[in-house]
Amino acid sequence: MKKTVLLTALAFALIAAVPAHAQLDGCSDSPENPTLILAGLAGGAYALSSVRMRIRARRAAKKQ
């Protein structure tokens, strides 16, 4: 279930980033790219969560 929640959060972050990159009138040389920043943050959060779940699974397996 956590994986579904994280993928949903990633999808919402990407959807929210599209309007944030609203420089359609000409200034396309912007130094920041909100889409990449949000995608990187969401990917990092997903990676940390995945690592935590794997560690917990190993600890649970050792206790049994």
C-alpha atoms as a PDB file:
ATOM      1  CA  MET A   1       0.000   0.000   0.000  1.00  0.00           C
ATOM      2  CA  LYS A   2       2.843   2.386   0.788  1.00  0.00           C
ATOM      3  CA  LYS A   3       4.203   1.944  -2.714  1.00  0.00           C
ATOM      4  CA  THR A   4       0.851   2.998  -4.162  1.00  0.00           C
ATOM      5  CA  VAL A   5       0.742   6.046  -1.903  1.00  0.00           C
ATOM      6  CA  LEU A   6       4.259   7.050  -2.908  1.00  0.00           C
ATOM      7  CA  LEU A   7       3.569   6.617  -6.608  1.00  0.00           C
ATOM      8  CA  THR A   8       0.404   8.684  -6.234  1.00  0.00           C
ATOM      9  CA  ALA A   9       2.362  11.412  -4.430  1.00  0.00           C
ATOM     10  CA  LEU A  10       4.949  11.363  -7.217  1.00  0.00           C
ATOM     11  CA  ALA A  11       2.210  11.722  -9.829  1.00  0.00           C
ATOM     12  CA  PHE A  12       0.669  14.670  -7.983  1.00  0.00           C
ATOM     13  CA  ALA A  13       4.095  16.308  -7.626  1.00  0.00           C
ATOM     14  CA  LEU A  14       4.703  16.029 -11.345  1.00  0.00           C
ATOM     15  CA  ILE A  15       1.232  17.358 -12.130  1.00  0.00           C
ATOM     16  CA  ALA A  16       1.817  20.282  -9.769  1.00  0.00           C
ATOM     17  CA  ALA A  17       5.186  21.008 -11.360  1.00  0.00           C
ATOM     18  CA  VAL A  18       3.811  21.466 -14.866  1.00  0.00           C
ATOM     19  CA  PRO A  19       2.069  24.801 -14.107  1.00  0.00           C
ATOM     20  CA  ALA A  20       5.080  25.879 -12.044  1.00  0.00           C
ATOM     21  CA  HIS A  21       7.146  25.805 -15.232  1.00  0.00           C
ATOM     22  CA  ALA A  22       4.955  28.455 -16.825  1.00  0.00           C
ATOM     23  CA  GLN A  23       7.576  30.516 -18.626  1.00  0.00           C
ATOM     24  CA  LEU A  24       5.905  30.309 -21.995  1.00  0.00           C
ATOM     25  CA  ASP A  25       6.351  33.966 -22.963  1.00  0.00           C
ATOM     26  CA  GLY A  26       9.975  33.784 -23.917  1.00  0.00           C
ATOM     27  CA  CYS A  27      12.316  33.457 -20.946  1.00  0.00           C
ATOM     28  CA  SER A  28      13.190  29.812 -21.430  1.00  0.00           C
ATOM     29  CA  ASP A  29      16.747  30.168 -20.107  1.00  0.00           C
ATOM     30  CA  SER A  30      15.648  30.012 -16.500  1.00  0.00           C
ATOM     31  CA  PRO A  31      18.313  28.594 -14.156  1.00  0.00           C
ATOM     32  CA  GLU A  32      15.786  26.617 -12.147  1.00  0.00           C
ATOM     33  CA  ASN A  33      13.562  23.876 -13.449  1.00  0.00           C
ATOM     34  CA  PRO A  34      10.763  23.166 -10.946  1.00  0.00           C
ATOM     35  CA  THR A  35       9.771  19.963 -12.704  1.00  0.00           C
ATOM     36  CA  LEU A  36      13.199  18.423 -12.226  1.00  0.00           C
ATOM     37  CA  ILE A  37      13.457  19.695  -8.656  1.00  0.00           C
ATOM     38  CA  LEU A  38      10.099  18.216  -7.659  1.00  0.00           C
ATOM     39  CA  ALA A  39      10.819  14.963  -9.473  1.00  0.00           C
ATOM     40  CA  GLY A  40      14.178  14.702  -7.699  1.00  0.00           C
ATOM     41  CA  LEU A  41      12.615  15.312  -4.302  1.00  0.00           C
ATOM     42  CA  ALA A  42       9.863  12.785  -4.918  1.00  0.00           C
ATOM     43  CA  GLY A  43      12.369  10.233  -6.205  1.00  0.00           C
ATOM     44  CA  GLY A  44      14.561  10.742  -3.161  1.00  0.00           C
ATOM     45  CA  ALA A  45      11.593  10.323  -0.825  1.00  0.00           C
ATOM     46  CA  TYR A  46      10.611   7.133  -2.646  1.00  0.00           C
ATOM     47  CA  ALA A  47      14.162   5.773  -2.425  1.00  0.00           C
ATOM     48  CA  LEU A  48      14.392   6.484   1.308  1.00  0.00           C
ATOM     49  CA  SER A  49      11.037   4.882   1.938  1.00  0.00           C
ATOM     50  CA  SER A  50      12.022   1.824  -0.079  1.00  0.00           C
ATOM     51  CA  VAL A  51      15.265   1.437   1.864  1.00  0.00           C
ATOM     52  CA  ARG A  52      13.400   1.760   5.180  1.00  0.00           C
ATOM     53  CA  MET A  53      10.894  -0.916   4.143  1.00  0.00           C
ATOM     54  CA  ARG A  54      13.697  -3.299   3.136  1.00  0.00           C
ATOM     55  CA  ILE A  55      15.515  -2.766   6.438  1.00  0.00           C
ATOM     56  CA  ARG A  56      12.320  -3.400   8.403  1.00  0.00           C
ATOM     57  CA  ALA A  57      11.645  -6.567   6.400  1.00  0.00           C
ATOM     58  CA  ARG A  58      15.140  -7.887   7.149  1.00  0.00           C
ATOM     59  CA  ARG A  59      14.770  -7.139  10.854  1.00  0.00           C
ATOM     60  CA  ALA A  60      11.381  -8.868  10.950  1.00  0.00           C
ATOM     61  CA  ALA A  61      12.837 -11.916   9.192  1.00  0.00           C
ATOM     62  CA  LYS A  62      15.698 -12.115  11.689  1.00  0.00           C
ATOM     63  CA  LYS A  63      13.340 -12.002  14.683  1.00  0.00           C
ATOM     64  CA  GLN A  64      11.411 -15.050  13.493  1.00  0.00           C
END
